[in-house]
Amino acid sequence: MHEVTRRIIAEQLKSKGLSQRQLAILAGMNQSTLNRFLNSATDTLDFPHVVAIAHALNMTVSELIGETPLLSDPKIRTVAAAMKDMPEYKKDAIVAASNSLATPDVGTKLRK
């Protein structure tokens, strides 16, 4: 995760034409703290700093750490929309079916 975050920050700095010093000022943090993180001298970055950096770069924390929001996948959005007003028993059936798809087929393992 740290390497992804470092890469994302570096890309954002380049695309926005910002220096590490400017980002540190925008995020209200010590430049040396940001520099140590970006140069892999430490993997520690306090959560308030992560939030401040994301805000300064006009990003969400999820975007900053490289998470892909589930609802960005059109298939997941479609299923979520379909399930919105569905009765609970049908939702439970869909969850059970998806769990069975995610579980390796025991019968296939035994035949191999």
C-alpha atoms as a PDB file:
ATOM      1  CA  MET A   1       0.000   0.000   0.000  1.00  0.00           C
ATOM      2  CA  HIS A   2       2.765   2.467   0.865  1.00  0.00           C
ATOM      3  CA  GLU A   3       4.434   2.154  -2.527  1.00  0.00           C
ATOM      4  CA  VAL A   4       1.102   2.701  -4.268  1.00  0.00           C
ATOM      5  CA  THR A   5       0.442   5.778  -2.124  1.00  0.00           C
ATOM      6  CA  ARG A   6       3.919   7.128  -2.837  1.00  0.00           C
ATOM      7  CA  ARG A   7       3.400   6.625  -6.570  1.00  0.00           C
ATOM      8  CA  ILE A   8      -0.001   8.305  -6.499  1.00  0.00           C
ATOM      9  CA  ILE A   9       1.347  11.309  -4.594  1.00  0.00           C
ATOM     10  CA  ALA A  10       4.266  11.609  -7.016  1.00  0.00           C
ATOM     11  CA  GLU A  11       1.904  11.448  -9.996  1.00  0.00           C
ATOM     12  CA  GLN A  12      -0.365  14.063  -8.445  1.00  0.00           C
ATOM     13  CA  LEU A  13       2.544  16.375  -7.667  1.00  0.00           C
ATOM     14  CA  LYS A  14       3.719  16.141 -11.262  1.00  0.00           C
ATOM     15  CA  SER A  15       0.282  16.578 -12.823  1.00  0.00           C
ATOM     16  CA  LYS A  16      -0.556  19.558 -10.585  1.00  0.00           C
ATOM     17  CA  GLY A  17       2.908  21.106 -10.869  1.00  0.00           C
ATOM     18  CA  LEU A  18       3.423  21.058  -7.112  1.00  0.00           C
ATOM     19  CA  SER A  19       6.601  20.549  -5.132  1.00  0.00           C
ATOM     20  CA  GLN A  20       6.791  18.444  -1.975  1.00  0.00           C
ATOM     21  CA  ARG A  21       7.205  21.704  -0.046  1.00  0.00           C
ATOM     22  CA  GLN A  22       4.026  23.147  -1.556  1.00  0.00           C
ATOM     23  CA  LEU A  23       2.078  19.973  -0.788  1.00  0.00           C
ATOM     24  CA  ALA A  24       3.339  19.981   2.789  1.00  0.00           C
ATOM     25  CA  ILE A  25       2.172  23.575   3.197  1.00  0.00           C
ATOM     26  CA  LEU A  26      -1.239  22.817   1.652  1.00  0.00           C
ATOM     27  CA  ALA A  27      -1.597  19.766   3.901  1.00  0.00           C
ATOM     28  CA  GLY A  28      -0.466  21.702   6.975  1.00  0.00           C
ATOM     29  CA  MET A  29       2.314  19.292   7.777  1.00  0.00           C
ATOM     30  CA  ASN A  30       6.063  19.351   8.222  1.00  0.00           C
ATOM     31  CA  GLN A  31       7.900  18.997   4.916  1.00  0.00           C
ATOM     32  CA  SER A  32      10.408  16.596   6.449  1.00  0.00           C
ATOM     33  CA  THR A  33       7.582  14.226   7.444  1.00  0.00           C
ATOM     34  CA  LEU A  34       6.275  14.176   3.892  1.00  0.00           C
ATOM     35  CA  ASN A  35       9.779  13.865   2.447  1.00  0.00           C
ATOM     36  CA  ARG A  36      10.687  10.908   4.696  1.00  0.00           C
ATOM     37  CA  PHE A  37       7.520   9.090   3.633  1.00  0.00           C
ATOM     38  CA  LEU A  38       7.938   9.808  -0.082  1.00  0.00           C
ATOM     39  CA  ASN A  39      11.598   8.749  -0.006  1.00  0.00           C
ATOM     40  CA  SER A  40      10.774   5.485   1.814  1.00  0.00           C
ATOM     41  CA  ALA A  41      12.690   6.476   4.934  1.00  0.00           C
ATOM     42  CA  THR A  42       9.540   5.583   6.846  1.00  0.00           C
ATOM     43  CA  ASP A  43       6.317   3.741   6.160  1.00  0.00           C
ATOM     44  CA  THR A  44       4.569   5.667   8.913  1.00  0.00           C
ATOM     45  CA  LEU A  45       2.205   8.458   8.027  1.00  0.00           C
ATOM     46  CA  ASP A  46      -0.401   9.466  10.602  1.00  0.00           C
ATOM     47  CA  PHE A  47      -3.988   9.189   9.420  1.00  0.00           C
ATOM     48  CA  PRO A  48      -4.631  12.933   9.882  1.00  0.00           C
ATOM     49  CA  HIS A  49      -1.710  13.542   7.507  1.00  0.00           C
ATOM     50  CA  VAL A  50      -3.157  11.081   4.968  1.00  0.00           C
ATOM     51  CA  VAL A  51      -6.489  12.907   5.144  1.00  0.00           C
ATOM     52  CA  ALA A  52      -4.785  16.310   4.816  1.00  0.00           C
ATOM     53  CA  ILE A  53      -2.724  15.175   1.807  1.00  0.00           C
ATOM     54  CA  ALA A  54      -5.813  13.731   0.119  1.00  0.00           C
ATOM     55  CA  HIS A  55      -7.708  16.963   0.737  1.00  0.00           C
ATOM     56  CA  ALA A  56      -4.799  19.084  -0.543  1.00  0.00           C
ATOM     57  CA  LEU A  57      -4.699  16.977  -3.731  1.00  0.00           C
ATOM     58  CA  ASN A  58      -8.500  17.099  -4.091  1.00  0.00           C
ATOM     59  CA  MET A  59      -8.784  13.327  -3.693  1.00  0.00           C
ATOM     60  CA  THR A  60     -10.495  10.907  -1.363  1.00  0.00           C
ATOM     61  CA  VAL A  61      -8.389   8.900   1.057  1.00  0.00           C
ATOM     62  CA  SER A  62      -9.420   5.763  -0.840  1.00  0.00           C
ATOM     63  CA  GLU A  63      -8.097   7.227  -4.087  1.00  0.00           C
ATOM     64  CA  LEU A  64      -4.881   8.338  -2.381  1.00  0.00           C
ATOM     65  CA  ILE A  65      -4.127   4.856  -1.055  1.00  0.00           C
ATOM     66  CA  GLY A  66      -5.043   3.208  -4.341  1.00  0.00           C
ATOM     67  CA  GLU A  67      -8.341   1.602  -3.435  1.00  0.00           C
ATOM     68  CA  THR A  68     -10.842   1.193  -6.218  1.00  0.00           C
ATOM     69  CA  PRO A  69     -14.335   1.971  -4.960  1.00  0.00           C
ATOM     70  CA  LEU A  70     -16.592  -1.016  -5.548  1.00  0.00           C
ATOM     71  CA  LEU A  71     -19.295   1.124  -7.079  1.00  0.00           C
ATOM     72  CA  SER A  72     -16.910   2.236  -9.826  1.00  0.00           C
ATOM     73  CA  ASP A  73     -17.515  -1.178 -11.423  1.00  0.00           C
ATOM     74  CA  PRO A  74     -20.663  -0.903 -13.583  1.00  0.00           C
ATOM     75  CA  LYS A  75     -21.608  -4.537 -12.900  1.00  0.00           C
ATOM     76  CA  ILE A  76     -21.518  -3.972  -9.147  1.00  0.00           C
ATOM     77  CA  ARG A  77     -23.562  -0.765  -9.531  1.00  0.00           C
ATOM     78  CA  THR A  78     -26.166  -2.735 -11.499  1.00  0.00           C
ATOM     79  CA  VAL A  79     -26.413  -5.462  -8.851  1.00  0.00           C
ATOM     80  CA  ALA A  80     -26.537  -2.894  -6.029  1.00  0.00           C
ATOM     81  CA  ALA A  81     -29.317  -0.980  -7.763  1.00  0.00           C
ATOM     82  CA  ALA A  82     -31.283  -4.192  -8.365  1.00  0.00           C
ATOM     83  CA  MET A  83     -30.894  -5.242  -4.723  1.00  0.00           C
ATOM     84  CA  LYS A  84     -31.866  -1.867  -3.276  1.00  0.00           C
ATOM     85  CA  ASP A  85     -35.593  -2.556  -2.924  1.00  0.00           C
ATOM     86  CA  MET A  86     -35.364  -6.347  -2.913  1.00  0.00           C
ATOM     87  CA  PRO A  87     -36.808  -8.350   0.007  1.00  0.00           C
ATOM     88  CA  GLU A  88     -34.214  -9.581   2.512  1.00  0.00           C
ATOM     89  CA  TYR A  89     -34.708 -13.257   1.663  1.00  0.00           C
ATOM     90  CA  LYS A  90     -33.775 -12.554  -1.963  1.00  0.00           C
ATOM     91  CA  LYS A  91     -30.731 -10.547  -0.874  1.00  0.00           C
ATOM     92  CA  ASP A  92     -29.693 -13.479   1.340  1.00  0.00           C
ATOM     93  CA  ALA A  93     -30.062 -15.853  -1.641  1.00  0.00           C
ATOM     94  CA  ILE A  94     -27.845 -13.629  -3.800  1.00  0.00           C
ATOM     95  CA  VAL A  95     -25.200 -13.438  -1.067  1.00  0.00           C
ATOM     96  CA  ALA A  96     -25.286 -17.232  -0.634  1.00  0.00           C
ATOM     97  CA  ALA A  97     -24.945 -17.728  -4.390  1.00  0.00           C
ATOM     98  CA  SER A  98     -22.014 -15.322  -4.603  1.00  0.00           C
ATOM     99  CA  ASN A  99     -20.327 -17.017  -1.643  1.00  0.00           C
ATOM    100  CA  SER A 100     -20.657 -20.390  -3.363  1.00  0.00           C
ATOM    101  CA  LEU A 101     -19.088 -18.945  -6.518  1.00  0.00           C
ATOM    102  CA  ALA A 102     -16.159 -17.620  -4.496  1.00  0.00           C
ATOM    103  CA  THR A 103     -15.569 -20.983  -2.779  1.00  0.00           C
ATOM    104  CA  PRO A 104     -13.463 -23.520  -4.694  1.00  0.00           C
ATOM    105  CA  ASP A 105     -15.499 -26.454  -5.970  1.00  0.00           C
ATOM    106  CA  VAL A 106     -14.787 -29.350  -3.600  1.00  0.00           C
ATOM    107  CA  GLY A 107     -16.015 -31.921  -6.145  1.00  0.00           C
ATOM    108  CA  THR A 108     -13.562 -30.654  -8.745  1.00  0.00           C
ATOM    109  CA  LYS A 109     -10.691 -30.991  -6.280  1.00  0.00           C
ATOM    110  CA  LEU A 110     -11.658 -34.575  -5.469  1.00  0.00           C
ATOM    111  CA  ARG A 111     -11.760 -35.582  -9.154  1.00  0.00           C
ATOM    112  CA  LYS A 112      -8.260 -34.261  -9.863  1.00  0.00           C
END
